[in-house]
Amino acid sequence: MKKILIIRFSSIGDIVLTSPILRCLKTQALVELHYLTKCSYRMILSNNPYVDKLIFCQNLKTTIRNLKNEKYDLVIDLHNNIRSFWIKLHLGVPNVTYKKNILERFLFINFGVPLTKTHVVDKYFFAVNKIGILDDGKGLDYFLSPNVKVPFNIKQDFICWCIGASYESKKLSLEQIVNVCNNTLKSIVLIGGKNEHQMGQDIVSHTTNLNVFNFSGLMSLDQSSMLIQKSCLVLTNDTGMMHIAAAFKKPIISFWGCTKPDLGFWPYLKKPRSVQLIYMKGNRACSKHGKYCRITKDGCVKKIKHQSIQEEVDKMLRLT
């Protein structure tokens, strides 16, 4: 049995996007699979049946020493940065590494040179194709803890709205969300981190829809994921929860401004279960991770018309 180390340090969405690689490695080859990541992301993989051992990155020297003791046969680098390069160099075993196409991405963001539209999951598979691992076409995985519970009636039809994002410039505005809530008859649960709790409270206060519930900053990752899993529709910014929704094969409406789907991180789902609302579709992204906006101070995703969002919500609800 070969012993393989997967490297992906962060973040929520990027780790979820590696899940098809884990499944295909375990089902297509006789391997013991270890996964190196940051401790803060342990919840994403702790219930994954395809991972035999989770290893958490400490300081680089200690991490390398511990990894050497494992005597790996192969390293699969799905992060491809300086730290992962240094680890591969010191382990001195065969490795395969996914290509980021950094130059192509730079030209797209800075000069609008069109990208070859390839999803990052497919790029991961290009790397492991070299060792005979093929895409099984089953999409992403996310495994909940068997004991997870939420303080909400999940037996009803409801919409889950992920109002958070890593940067303010990637989030929809209060006005956009309130307008859609006002014109939607179904119950809506709001999820996000602690930074979005006040915004969630403001949405509940301003909307005329009495069935909007704010769980932002009040739920664990697994609890938020359960709300996604049990919902009939997911509305989301470009964030890690979007990829968890894709893992559960949920209908998704995602919102894009400073980042663009062309960068390779759109929901890994087949149409028509995924709709992407993009401000200035066809234009280049403002920045790699959406931290900066070239068009407005607060982020051009806030320029998506709420009527356009409502139209897609109504259309999706008719299909579900």
Protein backbone atom coordinates (compact mmCIF):
# COMPACT_ATOMS: atom_id res chain seq x y z
CA MET A 1 0.00 0.00 0.00
CA LYS A 2 1.40 3.38 -1.03
CA LYS A 3 1.50 6.17 1.52
CA ILE A 4 0.55 9.54 0.02
CA LEU A 5 0.62 13.06 1.45
CA ILE A 6 -1.82 15.68 0.13
CA ILE A 7 -0.86 19.32 0.76
CA ARG A 8 -3.49 22.07 0.88
CA PHE A 9 -3.10 24.57 3.72
CA SER A 10 -6.23 26.70 3.23
CA SER A 11 -8.95 27.88 2.89
CA ILE A 12 -12.48 26.50 3.37
CA GLY A 13 -13.51 26.52 -0.28
CA ASP A 14 -10.12 25.46 -1.63
CA ILE A 15 -10.00 22.45 0.70
CA VAL A 16 -13.54 21.41 -0.25
CA LEU A 17 -12.46 21.64 -3.90
CA THR A 18 -9.79 18.99 -3.26
CA SER A 19 -12.42 16.46 -2.11
CA PRO A 20 -12.87 14.71 -5.50
CA ILE A 21 -9.12 14.02 -5.56
CA LEU A 22 -9.31 12.34 -2.15
CA ARG A 23 -12.26 10.18 -3.17
CA CYS A 24 -10.75 9.13 -6.48
CA LEU A 25 -7.38 8.30 -4.91
CA LYS A 26 -9.00 6.04 -2.33
CA THR A 27 -11.40 4.34 -4.73
CA GLN A 28 -9.02 3.93 -7.67
CA ALA A 29 -5.79 2.97 -5.89
CA LEU A 30 -4.66 1.08 -2.79
CA VAL A 31 -3.32 4.02 -0.76
CA GLU A 32 -3.00 5.37 2.77
CA LEU A 33 -3.91 9.02 2.52
CA HIS A 34 -2.60 11.77 4.81
CA TYR A 35 -3.64 15.42 4.49
CA LEU A 36 -1.51 18.39 5.57
CA THR A 37 -3.45 21.56 6.34
CA LYS A 38 -3.83 24.27 9.00
CA CYS A 39 -5.44 23.32 12.29
CA SER A 40 -8.09 26.01 11.88
CA TYR A 41 -9.54 24.03 8.94
CA ARG A 42 -9.70 20.63 10.65
CA MET A 43 -13.51 20.61 10.73
CA ILE A 44 -13.66 20.46 6.92
CA LEU A 45 -11.86 17.12 6.81
CA SER A 46 -12.41 15.56 10.24
CA ASN A 47 -15.38 13.48 9.03
CA ASN A 48 -14.03 12.67 5.57
CA PRO A 49 -13.83 8.85 5.27
CA TYR A 50 -11.21 9.06 2.54
CA VAL A 51 -8.58 10.70 4.79
CA ASP A 52 -6.64 8.27 6.97
CA LYS A 53 -4.73 10.91 8.91
CA LEU A 54 -4.93 14.69 9.32
CA ILE A 55 -1.65 16.51 9.93
CA PHE A 56 -1.66 20.13 11.03
CA CYS A 57 1.01 22.54 9.89
CA GLN A 58 3.07 23.96 12.75
CA ASN A 59 6.30 25.85 12.27
CA LEU A 60 8.01 24.68 9.10
CA LYS A 61 10.99 22.99 10.77
CA THR A 62 8.81 20.90 13.12
CA THR A 63 6.38 20.04 10.34
CA ILE A 64 9.13 18.79 8.05
CA ARG A 65 10.70 16.72 10.82
CA ASN A 66 7.37 15.05 11.61
CA LEU A 67 6.60 14.42 7.94
CA LYS A 68 9.98 12.76 7.36
CA ASN A 69 9.09 10.19 10.01
CA GLU A 70 6.05 9.14 7.96
CA LYS A 71 8.21 7.93 5.03
CA TYR A 72 5.83 8.88 2.23
CA ASP A 73 5.96 7.29 -1.22
CA LEU A 74 4.44 10.32 -2.94
CA VAL A 75 3.47 13.94 -2.27
CA ILE A 76 0.54 15.55 -4.10
CA ASP A 77 0.83 19.33 -3.82
CA LEU A 78 -2.53 21.01 -4.37
CA HIS A 79 -1.41 24.34 -2.94
CA ASN A 80 1.78 25.08 -4.86
CA ASN A 81 3.39 27.86 -2.84
CA ILE A 82 6.79 28.50 -1.26
CA ARG A 83 5.95 26.54 1.89
CA SER A 84 4.76 23.46 0.01
CA PHE A 85 7.82 23.67 -2.28
CA TRP A 86 10.11 23.71 0.76
CA ILE A 87 8.34 20.69 2.25
CA LYS A 88 8.66 18.72 -1.00
CA LEU A 89 12.32 19.64 -1.28
CA HIS A 90 13.12 18.37 2.23
CA LEU A 91 11.06 15.18 1.96
CA GLY A 92 12.89 14.22 -1.20
CA VAL A 93 10.23 11.85 -2.53
CA PRO A 94 8.39 11.84 -5.89
CA ASN A 95 5.69 14.48 -6.17
CA VAL A 96 3.00 15.83 -8.47
CA THR A 97 1.98 19.48 -8.30
CA TYR A 98 -1.01 21.31 -9.71
CA LYS A 99 -0.23 24.25 -12.01
CA LYS A 100 -1.71 27.61 -11.06
CA ASN A 101 -1.14 29.27 -14.46
CA ILE A 102 0.05 32.38 -12.64
CA LEU A 103 1.05 34.29 -15.78
CA GLU A 104 -2.30 33.68 -17.47
CA ARG A 105 -4.15 34.82 -14.35
CA PHE A 106 -1.94 37.94 -14.05
CA LEU A 107 -2.64 38.92 -17.66
CA PHE A 108 -6.40 38.45 -17.15
CA ILE A 109 -6.60 40.54 -13.95
CA ASN A 110 -4.29 43.33 -15.07
CA PHE A 111 -4.84 43.53 -18.83
CA GLY A 112 -8.07 41.65 -19.51
CA VAL A 113 -6.40 38.96 -21.63
CA PRO A 114 -9.02 36.17 -21.80
CA LEU A 115 -8.40 33.10 -19.68
CA THR A 116 -8.74 29.51 -20.80
CA LYS A 117 -11.84 28.75 -18.73
CA THR A 118 -10.80 25.74 -16.66
CA HIS A 119 -12.15 24.94 -13.22
CA VAL A 120 -9.52 24.50 -10.48
CA VAL A 121 -10.88 20.99 -9.78
CA ASP A 122 -10.02 20.04 -13.35
CA LYS A 123 -6.54 21.49 -12.82
CA TYR A 124 -6.17 19.28 -9.75
CA PHE A 125 -7.12 16.29 -11.89
CA PHE A 126 -4.61 17.28 -14.58
CA ALA A 127 -1.95 16.84 -11.88
CA VAL A 128 -3.08 13.43 -10.62
CA ASN A 129 -3.79 12.14 -14.14
CA LYS A 130 0.00 11.61 -14.26
CA ILE A 131 -0.35 8.82 -11.68
CA GLY A 132 -3.39 7.27 -13.34
CA ILE A 133 -6.16 8.88 -11.25
CA LEU A 134 -9.23 9.89 -13.26
CA ASP A 135 -12.24 12.08 -12.51
CA ASP A 136 -15.23 9.89 -11.59
CA GLY A 137 -17.68 12.71 -12.37
CA LYS A 138 -19.29 12.64 -8.91
CA GLY A 139 -18.41 16.23 -7.99
CA LEU A 140 -17.45 17.57 -4.57
CA ASP A 141 -17.87 15.97 -1.14
CA TYR A 142 -18.57 17.42 2.27
CA PHE A 143 -19.21 15.18 5.28
CA LEU A 144 -21.10 16.50 8.30
CA SER A 145 -20.53 15.37 11.85
CA PRO A 146 -23.22 12.75 12.72
CA ASN A 147 -24.17 14.72 15.86
CA VAL A 148 -24.73 18.14 14.33
CA LYS A 149 -28.02 19.89 15.19
CA VAL A 150 -29.43 23.33 14.43
CA PRO A 151 -32.04 25.44 16.30
CA PHE A 152 -34.28 25.73 13.25
CA ASN A 153 -37.07 23.66 11.70
CA ILE A 154 -35.23 22.12 8.75
CA LYS A 155 -38.28 20.11 7.63
CA GLN A 156 -39.81 23.16 5.98
CA ASP A 157 -38.86 24.66 2.61
CA PHE A 158 -36.44 27.53 3.14
CA ILE A 159 -33.72 29.51 1.39
CA CYS A 160 -30.21 29.69 2.83
CA TRP A 161 -28.45 33.00 2.13
CA CYS A 162 -24.68 33.14 2.75
CA ILE A 163 -24.14 36.85 3.35
CA GLY A 164 -20.46 36.62 4.32
CA ALA A 165 -17.24 36.78 2.31
CA SER A 166 -13.54 37.20 2.98
CA TYR A 167 -13.68 40.90 2.00
CA GLU A 168 -16.36 43.59 2.15
CA SER A 169 -15.90 44.19 -1.58
CA LYS A 170 -17.24 40.66 -2.29
CA LYS A 171 -20.46 41.08 -0.31
CA LEU A 172 -23.88 42.21 -1.48
CA SER A 173 -25.26 45.30 0.21
CA LEU A 174 -27.93 45.50 2.89
CA GLU A 175 -30.29 47.17 0.40
CA GLN A 176 -29.91 44.43 -2.23
CA ILE A 177 -30.62 41.65 0.27
CA VAL A 178 -33.53 43.42 1.98
CA ASN A 179 -35.24 44.11 -1.35
CA VAL A 180 -35.09 40.44 -2.32
CA CYS A 181 -36.26 39.30 1.13
CA ASN A 182 -39.22 41.67 0.92
CA ASN A 183 -40.42 40.03 -2.29
CA THR A 184 -39.79 36.40 -1.35
CA LEU A 185 -42.51 34.36 0.34
CA LYS A 186 -40.35 31.52 1.64
CA SER A 187 -38.47 31.54 4.94
CA ILE A 188 -34.86 32.70 4.63
CA VAL A 189 -31.97 31.85 6.95
CA LEU A 190 -28.91 34.08 6.92
CA ILE A 191 -25.50 32.54 7.60
CA GLY A 192 -22.04 34.04 7.84
CA GLY A 193 -19.27 34.71 10.32
CA LYS A 194 -19.13 36.95 13.37
CA ASN A 195 -18.34 39.91 11.13
CA GLU A 196 -21.72 39.52 9.43
CA HIS A 197 -23.83 39.20 12.60
CA GLN A 198 -24.77 42.88 12.75
CA MET A 199 -25.57 42.99 9.06
CA GLY A 200 -27.84 39.97 9.57
CA GLN A 201 -29.60 41.78 12.40
CA ASP A 202 -30.05 44.84 10.20
CA ILE A 203 -31.56 42.72 7.43
CA VAL A 204 -34.08 41.20 9.86
CA SER A 205 -34.92 44.67 11.18
CA HIS A 206 -35.44 46.27 7.77
CA THR A 207 -37.22 43.55 5.81
CA THR A 208 -41.00 43.21 5.69
CA ASN A 209 -40.58 39.42 5.45
CA LEU A 210 -41.26 38.16 8.96
CA ASN A 211 -39.66 34.80 8.21
CA VAL A 212 -36.04 35.91 7.91
CA PHE A 213 -33.75 34.44 10.58
CA ASN A 214 -30.19 35.54 11.33
CA PHE A 215 -27.70 32.81 12.30
CA SER A 216 -24.58 34.71 11.22
CA GLY A 217 -21.82 34.32 13.79
CA LEU A 218 -23.97 31.95 15.87
CA MET A 219 -23.29 28.66 14.11
CA SER A 220 -20.35 26.29 13.73
CA LEU A 221 -19.18 25.45 10.22
CA ASP A 222 -21.05 22.14 10.36
CA GLN A 223 -24.26 23.79 11.59
CA SER A 224 -24.13 26.34 8.78
CA SER A 225 -23.42 23.51 6.36
CA MET A 226 -26.45 21.60 7.60
CA LEU A 227 -28.66 24.61 6.89
CA ILE A 228 -27.23 24.66 3.38
CA GLN A 229 -27.80 20.93 2.98
CA LYS A 230 -31.46 21.09 4.06
CA SER A 231 -32.38 24.25 2.14
CA CYS A 232 -34.21 24.31 -1.19
CA LEU A 233 -32.01 27.07 -2.64
CA VAL A 234 -28.70 28.71 -1.73
CA LEU A 235 -27.85 32.36 -2.43
CA THR A 236 -24.19 33.15 -1.90
CA ASN A 237 -21.32 35.49 -2.52
CA ASP A 238 -18.05 34.07 -3.87
CA THR A 239 -17.09 32.26 -0.67
CA GLY A 240 -16.23 28.86 0.77
CA MET A 241 -19.85 28.13 1.67
CA MET A 242 -20.67 28.28 -2.02
CA HIS A 243 -18.46 25.24 -2.57
CA ILE A 244 -20.05 23.39 0.34
CA ALA A 245 -23.42 24.06 -1.31
CA ALA A 246 -22.03 22.58 -4.53
CA ALA A 247 -20.86 19.52 -2.58
CA PHE A 248 -24.47 19.00 -1.45
CA LYS A 249 -25.67 19.45 -5.07
CA LYS A 250 -27.93 22.34 -4.10
CA PRO A 251 -29.39 24.85 -6.58
CA ILE A 252 -27.12 27.90 -6.27
CA ILE A 253 -27.33 31.55 -7.25
CA SER A 254 -23.90 33.14 -6.79
CA PHE A 255 -22.90 36.80 -7.00
CA TRP A 256 -19.72 38.06 -8.66
CA GLY A 257 -18.09 41.48 -9.01
CA CYS A 258 -14.46 41.98 -8.03
CA THR A 259 -13.82 38.30 -8.66
CA LYS A 260 -15.04 36.53 -11.77
CA PRO A 261 -15.98 32.87 -12.38
CA ASP A 262 -13.37 32.80 -15.17
CA LEU A 263 -10.66 32.58 -12.50
CA GLY A 264 -11.74 28.94 -12.12
CA PHE A 265 -13.72 28.91 -8.87
CA TRP A 266 -17.36 28.90 -9.98
CA PRO A 267 -19.68 26.35 -8.28
CA TYR A 268 -18.61 22.90 -9.44
CA LEU A 269 -22.09 21.89 -10.60
CA LYS A 270 -23.79 21.18 -13.87
CA LYS A 271 -26.32 23.71 -15.16
CA PRO A 272 -29.11 24.64 -14.60
CA ARG A 273 -28.55 24.10 -10.88
CA SER A 274 -26.03 26.93 -10.77
CA VAL A 275 -26.68 30.50 -11.89
CA GLN A 276 -23.94 33.11 -11.74
CA LEU A 277 -24.99 36.76 -11.56
CA ILE A 278 -21.96 38.73 -12.70
CA TYR A 279 -21.55 42.50 -12.69
CA MET A 280 -20.01 43.49 -16.03
CA LYS A 281 -19.84 39.96 -17.37
CA GLY A 282 -16.89 39.49 -19.70
CA ASN A 283 -14.78 42.13 -17.96
CA ARG A 284 -11.57 41.28 -16.14
CA ALA A 285 -11.54 40.63 -12.40
CA CYS A 286 -10.60 43.56 -10.15
CA SER A 287 -8.18 41.48 -8.05
CA LYS A 288 -7.18 37.86 -7.46
CA HIS A 289 -9.13 37.34 -4.22
CA GLY A 290 -11.55 40.27 -4.48
CA LYS A 291 -9.80 42.44 -1.89
CA TYR A 292 -9.75 45.49 -4.17
CA CYS A 293 -12.30 46.88 -6.60
CA ARG A 294 -11.36 48.92 -9.67
CA ILE A 295 -14.85 50.37 -10.07
CA THR A 296 -16.25 51.32 -6.66
CA LYS A 297 -14.89 51.68 -3.14
CA ASP A 298 -17.24 49.10 -1.63
CA GLY A 299 -17.17 46.51 -4.42
CA CYS A 300 -18.89 46.35 -7.80
CA VAL A 301 -20.91 43.26 -6.79
CA LYS A 302 -23.14 45.80 -5.02
CA LYS A 303 -24.13 47.13 -8.45
CA ILE A 304 -26.04 43.97 -9.37
CA LYS A 305 -29.70 45.03 -9.57
CA HIS A 306 -31.92 43.47 -6.93
CA GLN A 307 -34.56 42.95 -9.64
CA SER A 308 -32.11 40.64 -11.45
CA ILE A 309 -31.55 38.67 -8.26
CA GLN A 310 -35.31 38.42 -7.64
CA GLU A 311 -35.92 37.21 -11.17
CA GLU A 312 -33.41 34.37 -10.76
CA VAL A 313 -34.72 33.46 -7.29
CA ASP A 314 -38.27 33.18 -8.62
CA LYS A 315 -37.09 31.14 -11.59
CA MET A 316 -35.06 28.75 -9.40
CA LEU A 317 -37.92 28.27 -6.94
CA ARG A 318 -40.20 27.26 -9.79
CA LEU A 319 -37.69 24.59 -10.81
CA THR A 320 -37.13 23.13 -7.34
